[in-house]
Protein backbone atom coordinates (compact mmCIF):
# COMPACT_ATOMS: atom_id res chain seq x y z
CA MET A 1 -3.23 -14.67 -10.78
CA ARG A 2 -6.39 -13.01 -12.26
CA LYS A 3 -5.82 -14.02 -16.17
CA ILE A 4 -6.41 -10.41 -17.75
CA ILE A 5 -4.12 -8.98 -15.68
CA LYS A 6 -1.18 -11.65 -16.57
CA PHE A 7 -2.31 -11.15 -20.22
CA MET A 8 -1.97 -7.27 -19.88
CA ALA A 9 1.38 -7.39 -18.17
CA LEU A 10 2.50 -9.76 -20.63
CA ILE A 11 1.87 -7.35 -23.22
CA MET A 12 3.78 -4.67 -21.17
CA VAL A 13 6.86 -7.09 -20.68
CA PHE A 14 7.56 -6.91 -24.24
CA ALA A 15 8.26 -3.21 -23.93
CA LEU A 16 11.40 -3.94 -22.22
CA VAL A 17 12.74 -6.53 -24.57
CA PHE A 18 14.65 -3.31 -26.19
CA SER A 19 16.90 -2.91 -23.19
CA ALA A 20 18.79 -5.41 -24.23
CA VAL A 21 22.88 -6.48 -24.55
CA ALA A 22 26.78 -7.33 -25.79
CA LEU A 23 29.96 -7.32 -25.41
CA ALA A 24 30.80 -4.53 -22.85
CA LYS A 25 31.16 -4.68 -19.12
CA PRO A 26 32.11 -2.29 -16.26
CA ASN A 27 35.16 -0.75 -15.81
CA ASN A 28 36.25 -1.23 -11.99
CA SER A 29 38.79 1.73 -12.31
CA GLU A 30 36.21 4.49 -13.35
CA PRO A 31 32.93 3.05 -11.41
CA LYS A 32 30.01 4.65 -12.73
CA GLU A 33 27.18 5.28 -9.91
CA LYS A 34 23.81 5.30 -11.98
CA ARG A 35 23.40 3.78 -15.55
CA ASN A 36 21.38 5.16 -17.91
CA GLU A 37 19.59 2.44 -19.30
CA ASN A 38 18.43 4.28 -22.55
CA SER A 39 22.07 4.49 -23.22
CA LEU A 40 23.76 2.44 -25.94
CA SER A 41 26.63 1.54 -23.43
CA TYR A 42 23.95 0.29 -21.01
CA ARG A 43 22.23 -2.00 -24.03
CA PHE A 44 25.75 -3.10 -24.78
CA ALA A 45 25.99 -4.40 -21.49
CA GLU A 46 22.94 -5.75 -20.62
CA ARG A 47 22.01 -6.98 -24.39
CA MET A 48 21.16 -10.30 -25.98
CA THR A 49 22.51 -11.04 -28.97
CA PHE A 50 20.26 -11.08 -32.21
CA LYS A 51 20.76 -15.12 -32.86
CA GLU A 52 19.27 -15.28 -29.36
CA LYS A 53 15.87 -13.63 -30.53
CA GLU A 54 15.82 -15.27 -33.95
CA GLN A 55 13.48 -17.73 -32.77
CA LYS A 56 10.84 -15.04 -32.34
CA GLY A 57 12.11 -12.33 -34.64
CA LEU A 58 12.82 -8.28 -34.92
CA ALA A 59 9.14 -7.95 -36.72
CA LYS A 60 7.72 -9.97 -33.67
CA VAL A 61 9.30 -7.86 -30.96
CA LEU A 62 8.48 -4.49 -32.87
CA GLU A 63 4.79 -5.45 -32.88
CA GLU A 64 4.94 -6.16 -29.50
CA ASP A 65 6.52 -3.10 -28.33
CA MET A 66 4.51 -0.81 -30.48
CA ILE A 67 1.39 -2.84 -29.16
CA ALA A 68 3.06 -2.52 -25.69
CA GLY A 69 2.98 1.80 -26.31
CA ILE A 70 -0.99 1.86 -27.28
CA LEU A 71 -1.78 0.07 -24.34
CA GLU A 72 -0.06 1.73 -22.44
CA GLU A 73 -1.88 4.54 -21.07
CA ASP A 74 -4.58 1.88 -20.32
CA VAL A 75 -2.87 -0.74 -18.25
CA ASP A 76 -3.65 1.52 -15.13
CA SER A 77 -6.21 3.45 -16.05
CA GLU A 78 -9.23 1.21 -16.66
CA GLU A 79 -11.36 -1.14 -14.03
CA GLY A 80 -13.73 -3.34 -14.24
CA ASP A 81 -11.79 -5.81 -16.63
CA ASP A 82 -10.44 -8.39 -14.01
CA GLU A 83 -11.69 -11.58 -13.37
CA GLU A 84 -12.19 -13.89 -10.76
CA GLU A 85 -8.87 -16.42 -10.22
CA THR A 86 -9.20 -20.19 -11.38
CA ASP A 87 -7.09 -22.89 -11.59
CA GLU A 88 -4.34 -22.16 -14.06
CA GLY A 89 -3.67 -24.20 -17.19
CA THR A 90 -0.98 -23.94 -19.19
CA GLU A 91 0.53 -20.24 -20.08
CA GLU A 92 -1.40 -20.71 -23.76
CA GLU A 93 -3.88 -21.87 -22.22
CA ASP A 94 -4.42 -18.92 -19.52
CA GLU A 95 -3.67 -16.46 -22.39
CA MET A 96 -6.20 -17.53 -24.77
CA ALA A 97 -9.25 -17.82 -22.38
CA GLY A 98 -7.96 -14.18 -21.03
CA LEU A 99 -7.99 -13.28 -24.13
CA LEU A 100 -11.35 -14.88 -25.25
CA SER A 101 -12.68 -13.35 -22.14
CA LEU A 102 -11.94 -10.16 -22.60
CA ARG A 103 -13.21 -9.85 -26.10
CA GLU A 104 -17.02 -10.66 -24.39
CA ARG A 105 -16.46 -8.10 -21.49
CA LEU A 106 -15.06 -5.28 -24.75
CA ARG A 107 -18.43 -6.20 -26.48
CA GLU A 108 -20.48 -5.71 -23.46
CA ARG A 109 -18.77 -2.28 -23.10
CA LEU A 110 -19.03 -1.44 -26.45
CA GLU A 111 -22.57 -2.69 -26.75
CA GLN A 112 -23.32 0.25 -23.91
CA ASN A 113 -21.13 2.85 -25.64
CA GLU A 114 -20.30 2.22 -29.29
CA ASP A 115 -17.76 5.41 -29.15
CA ASP A 116 -15.50 4.24 -26.30
CA VAL A 117 -12.12 4.64 -27.39
CA LYS A 118 -10.13 2.73 -25.56
CA ALA A 119 -12.62 -0.66 -25.55
CA LEU A 120 -12.26 -0.26 -29.75
CA ARG A 121 -8.41 0.12 -29.08
CA LYS A 122 -8.16 -3.08 -26.87
CA MET A 123 -10.59 -4.60 -29.20
CA ALA A 124 -8.97 -4.20 -32.57
CA ILE A 125 -5.65 -5.65 -30.44
CA VAL A 126 -7.72 -8.91 -28.86
CA GLN A 127 -9.13 -9.76 -32.15
CA LYS A 128 -5.74 -9.65 -33.91
CA ASN A 129 -4.24 -11.77 -31.33
CA LEU A 130 -6.93 -13.91 -32.06
CA GLY A 131 -6.18 -14.23 -35.09
CA SER A 132 -9.78 -12.87 -36.19
CA TYR A 133 -8.20 -10.75 -38.83
CA GLU A 134 -11.28 -9.44 -40.27
CA GLU A 135 -12.91 -8.59 -37.14
CA ALA A 136 -9.72 -6.29 -36.21
CA LEU A 137 -9.57 -4.82 -39.17
CA GLY A 138 -13.72 -3.30 -38.53
CA TYR A 139 -12.48 -2.12 -35.29
CA ALA A 140 -9.41 -0.60 -35.88
CA GLU A 141 -10.88 1.22 -38.99
CA ARG A 142 -13.92 2.50 -36.56
CA LEU A 143 -10.86 3.91 -34.40
CA LEU A 144 -9.68 5.36 -37.47
CA ALA A 145 -12.57 8.04 -37.32
CA ARG A 146 -11.75 8.59 -33.82
CA GLU A 147 -9.77 12.11 -32.78
CA GLY A 148 -6.56 11.28 -31.54
CA GLU A 149 -6.34 7.55 -33.07
CA ARG A 150 -5.48 7.51 -36.53
CA VAL A 151 -1.60 6.82 -35.48
CA LYS A 152 -2.73 4.06 -33.41
CA ALA A 153 -5.38 2.56 -35.41
CA MET A 154 -2.74 2.40 -38.63
CA ILE A 155 -0.42 0.76 -36.32
CA ILE A 156 -3.05 -2.17 -35.79
CA LEU A 157 -3.68 -1.85 -39.52
CA ALA A 158 -0.34 -2.41 -40.82
CA GLN A 159 -0.20 -5.13 -38.48
CA VAL A 160 -3.32 -7.30 -39.44
CA TYR A 161 -2.62 -6.62 -42.72
CA ARG A 162 0.56 -8.31 -42.42
CA ASN A 163 -0.38 -11.13 -40.32
CA MET A 164 -3.01 -12.01 -43.35
CA GLY A 165 -0.27 -11.78 -46.10
CA GLU A 166 -1.07 -8.59 -47.20
CA THR A 167 2.07 -6.64 -46.92
CA GLU A 168 1.64 -4.20 -49.42
CA LYS A 169 -1.03 -2.64 -47.96
CA ALA A 170 0.51 -2.27 -44.37
CA LEU A 171 3.28 -0.77 -46.27
CA GLU A 172 1.17 1.70 -47.10
CA TYR A 173 -0.26 2.19 -43.62
CA LEU A 174 3.25 3.00 -42.82
CA ASP A 175 4.17 5.06 -45.21
CA GLU A 176 0.95 7.15 -43.70
CA ILE A 177 2.35 6.71 -40.11
CA LEU A 178 5.72 8.21 -41.13
CA GLU A 179 4.40 11.31 -43.08
CA GLU A 180 2.39 12.57 -39.64
CA TYR A 181 4.83 11.04 -37.01
CA PRO A 182 8.13 10.08 -38.01
CA ASP A 183 9.21 6.97 -35.60
CA ALA A 184 12.30 4.47 -35.57
CA LYS A 185 10.22 1.90 -34.63
CA VAL A 186 7.85 1.60 -37.59
CA ARG A 187 10.94 2.87 -39.97
CA ALA A 188 12.49 -0.66 -39.03
CA TYR A 189 9.19 -2.57 -39.19
CA LYS A 190 8.99 -0.86 -42.92
CA ALA A 191 12.39 -2.38 -43.40
CA ILE A 192 11.31 -5.97 -42.40
CA LEU A 193 8.71 -5.68 -44.39
CA LEU A 194 10.10 -4.12 -47.39
CA GLU A 195 12.64 -7.15 -46.75
CA GLU A 196 10.00 -9.76 -46.42
CA GLU A 197 8.74 -8.26 -50.23
CA GLU A 198 12.31 -8.68 -51.03
CA ASP A 199 13.08 -4.96 -52.26
CA LEU A 200 16.58 -5.40 -50.07
CA GLU A 201 17.93 -2.07 -51.51
CA GLU A 202 14.99 0.07 -49.83
CA ALA A 203 15.18 -2.17 -46.67
CA ILE A 204 18.35 -1.54 -45.89
CA ASN A 205 18.53 2.26 -46.58
CA THR A 206 14.95 2.12 -44.68
CA MET A 207 16.83 0.41 -41.87
CA GLU A 208 19.82 2.94 -42.03
CA GLU A 209 17.43 5.53 -41.34
CA ALA A 210 15.88 4.07 -38.93
CA VAL A 211 19.85 3.48 -37.54
CA GLU A 212 20.13 7.10 -37.54
CA GLU A 213 16.64 8.18 -35.77
CA ASP A 214 17.35 5.74 -32.95
CA PRO A 215 20.95 5.19 -32.90
CA ASP A 216 20.70 3.89 -29.24
CA THR A 217 18.85 0.59 -30.35
CA LEU A 218 20.88 -2.53 -31.00
CA GLU A 219 18.65 -4.71 -32.31
CA TYR A 220 18.59 -2.07 -35.63
CA TYR A 221 22.06 -2.71 -35.81
CA GLU A 222 21.86 -6.33 -36.03
CA GLY A 223 18.90 -6.46 -38.27
CA LEU A 224 20.71 -3.98 -40.41
CA GLY A 225 23.55 -6.28 -40.36
CA GLU A 226 21.37 -9.53 -41.47
CA MET A 227 20.30 -7.42 -44.03
CA TYR A 228 23.95 -6.42 -44.97
CA ARG A 229 24.76 -10.55 -44.87
CA LYS A 230 21.69 -11.02 -46.99
CA ALA A 231 22.75 -8.36 -49.66
CA ASN A 232 26.23 -9.72 -49.41
CA ARG A 233 27.51 -6.18 -48.80
CA GLN A 234 31.03 -7.56 -47.38
CA GLY A 235 34.06 -5.41 -44.96
CA VAL A 236 33.88 -3.18 -42.20
CA LYS A 237 30.83 -0.85 -41.65
CA VAL A 238 31.12 2.59 -39.68
CA PHE A 239 28.21 4.26 -37.79
CA VAL A 240 28.76 7.65 -35.73
CA ASP A 241 25.88 8.27 -33.21
CA GLY A 242 23.95 5.91 -35.79
CA LYS A 243 25.29 7.72 -38.95
CA LYS A 244 27.12 5.97 -41.59
CA PRO A 245 30.28 8.04 -42.87
CA GLU A 246 30.86 7.68 -46.70
CA PHE A 247 34.24 6.38 -47.28
CA ASP A 248 36.38 6.27 -50.67
CA VAL A 249 38.74 3.66 -49.15
CA PRO A 250 36.94 0.98 -46.67
CA PRO A 251 37.92 0.40 -43.04
CA VAL A 252 40.75 -2.91 -43.07
CA ILE A 253 41.12 -5.19 -40.07
CA ARG A 254 45.13 -5.74 -39.25
CA ASP A 255 46.06 -7.75 -36.34
CA GLY A 256 42.88 -7.92 -35.02
CA ARG A 257 42.41 -4.37 -34.76
CA THR A 258 39.93 -2.21 -36.94
CA LEU A 259 41.37 0.84 -39.05
CA ILE A 260 39.48 3.60 -40.37
CA PRO A 261 39.74 6.16 -42.84
CA VAL A 262 40.75 9.20 -40.36
CA ARG A 263 39.39 12.19 -41.92
CA ALA A 264 36.10 10.78 -43.07
CA VAL A 265 34.91 9.30 -38.77
CA VAL A 266 37.08 11.70 -36.57
CA SER A 267 35.20 14.59 -39.06
CA SER A 268 31.93 12.99 -38.15
CA MET A 269 32.84 13.28 -34.63
CA GLY A 270 33.20 17.25 -34.98
CA ALA A 271 37.17 16.71 -34.88
CA GLU A 272 39.61 18.75 -36.81
CA VAL A 273 42.38 16.73 -39.42
CA ASP A 274 45.90 18.27 -40.12
CA TRP A 275 48.37 16.19 -42.15
CA ASP A 276 52.02 17.26 -42.34
CA PRO A 277 53.12 14.99 -45.46
CA GLU A 278 56.70 15.82 -44.77
CA GLU A 279 57.01 14.21 -41.44
CA LYS A 280 53.94 12.19 -42.23
CA ILE A 281 52.23 13.11 -39.38
CA VAL A 282 48.33 13.23 -38.49
CA THR A 283 46.99 15.91 -36.18
CA ILE A 284 43.31 15.22 -34.50
CA VAL A 285 41.71 18.30 -32.53
CA LYS A 286 38.64 18.12 -30.96
CA ASP A 287 37.25 20.01 -27.85
CA GLY A 288 40.90 20.97 -26.91
CA LYS A 289 42.50 17.62 -26.58
CA THR A 290 44.50 16.93 -29.45
CA ILE A 291 46.23 13.50 -30.80
CA THR A 292 49.56 12.73 -32.75
CA LEU A 293 50.21 10.14 -35.22
CA LYS A 294 53.07 9.23 -37.18
CA ILE A 295 52.24 6.90 -40.09
CA ASP A 296 54.26 3.41 -39.80
CA SER A 297 54.74 4.42 -36.02
CA GLN A 298 52.93 2.72 -33.02
CA GLU A 299 53.94 6.03 -30.62
CA VAL A 300 51.18 8.04 -30.36
CA TYR A 301 50.48 11.02 -28.16
CA VAL A 302 47.94 12.45 -26.40
CA ASP A 303 47.97 15.85 -25.37
CA GLY A 304 51.77 15.45 -25.52
CA GLU A 305 51.76 11.62 -23.09
CA PRO A 306 52.92 8.87 -25.45
CA PHE A 307 51.10 5.74 -25.44
CA THR A 308 51.86 2.56 -27.80
CA LEU A 309 49.64 1.49 -30.57
CA ASP A 310 48.95 -2.13 -31.02
CA VAL A 311 48.95 -1.35 -35.02
CA PRO A 312 49.97 1.68 -36.02
CA ALA A 313 48.60 4.31 -38.29
CA THR A 314 49.15 3.33 -42.31
CA ILE A 315 48.31 4.87 -45.77
CA ILE A 316 46.23 2.84 -48.61
CA ASP A 317 45.55 4.21 -51.51
CA GLY A 318 46.53 7.91 -50.54
CA ARG A 319 44.26 7.89 -47.65
CA THR A 320 45.14 7.54 -43.99
CA LEU A 321 43.70 5.29 -41.72
CA VAL A 322 44.43 4.87 -38.27
CA PRO A 323 42.84 2.77 -35.29
CA GLY A 324 39.50 3.55 -34.51
CA ARG A 325 39.03 2.32 -31.32
CA PHE A 326 41.79 4.25 -29.71
CA VAL A 327 41.13 7.72 -31.51
CA SER A 328 37.50 7.32 -30.60
CA GLU A 329 38.06 6.65 -26.89
CA ALA A 330 40.55 8.95 -26.48
CA PHE A 331 37.88 11.92 -27.43
CA ASN A 332 35.87 10.05 -24.29
CA ALA A 333 33.70 8.09 -27.15
CA LEU A 334 32.82 4.38 -26.90
CA VAL A 335 33.64 1.50 -30.02
CA HIS A 336 31.72 -1.23 -29.90
CA TRP A 337 32.19 -3.97 -32.10
CA ILE A 338 29.68 -6.14 -33.48
CA GLY A 339 31.68 -8.96 -34.78
CA ASP A 340 28.70 -11.18 -36.68
CA TYR A 341 28.22 -8.36 -39.01
CA GLU A 342 31.99 -6.53 -38.97
CA MET A 343 30.12 -3.49 -37.40
CA VAL A 344 31.99 -0.85 -35.44
CA VAL A 345 29.70 1.39 -33.95
CA ILE A 346 31.14 4.62 -32.50
CA ASP A 347 28.93 6.29 -29.28
CA GLN A 348 29.36 9.89 -28.24
CA SER A 349 26.66 10.30 -26.10
CA ASN A 350 27.25 11.38 -22.12
CA ASP A 351 26.63 8.21 -20.71
CA ASN A 352 29.93 6.48 -21.72
CA SER A 353 31.99 6.97 -18.39
CA GLY A 354 32.61 3.59 -16.38
CA TYR A 355 31.93 1.18 -19.36
CA GLU A 356 35.14 -0.65 -21.69
CA ASP A 357 33.65 -2.60 -24.57
CA ALA A 358 35.22 -6.04 -25.93
CA GLU A 359 38.36 -5.81 -28.16
CA GLU A 360 37.29 -6.59 -31.76
């Protein structure tokens, strides 16, 4: 196989990492003809856990994904970067040989035309991957001055400075990017660098912003979960379409079921809540559907049809808590449970039919 094709293909494969995985399974009673590979449901169905990717690390995954995005437009549009087939060595040897060979051809191209933007872009990345950081900085700074290349150049510069151990400089470039081009991947990468700088509170705030911007990327929730753990933030965390509702009474787990403060969560889902203090009945209405629950009763009604709860609604410190999974799924949302980090992720996307997640 031609080494340069193999190298470019390897880079592009990293962009697929974010299609990862979890505890969901298809619901055979309501089959779905086609899964949307961008949906959170699909990602839970197909995902790898964060622990399975720890060896690489989320920062490395994000770096590779951003670089793949930079190179994407070049992969099929460039000619002349092929080389003759040779006997293959190990994967690492082949990749290194491909990088060195590509570097020489890119140098020739830039000698012929120093304004070849695609060659500058590739050369900066090749030098970074070879560990030639000063050279990578030089090419990236040349790219920075080219029209339409500013954000791409700053992504490369941020990665190079991080690899050089100059995290503060890398963060300066990431802040510039986010001012011009808000992007969840860049924000998540910034959060990881802040964590490396031991600014854990700001890292958590930044990763929460990344989750809100892109609620379909599971790695952000898992990376955030690791930060919560490091900060010793215990207890159940709830996200509704990436947003984190504010609670004055925290969610609790009883008999393996998560009870959530009803008003804060279902209001964030766009539902209305009514409370009858005499009868101790909670009524939730959304999109013409009505759920009625009685405190300390396992009987619940959905549009008048009775169902039995595993755990009844309850009152804690003057706040009503209800079974989060049942209520959310009754309104056609999915509830994903990330057990390692005690996270409840409520997904109201339109891609939820045909899926059923694992129990808490």
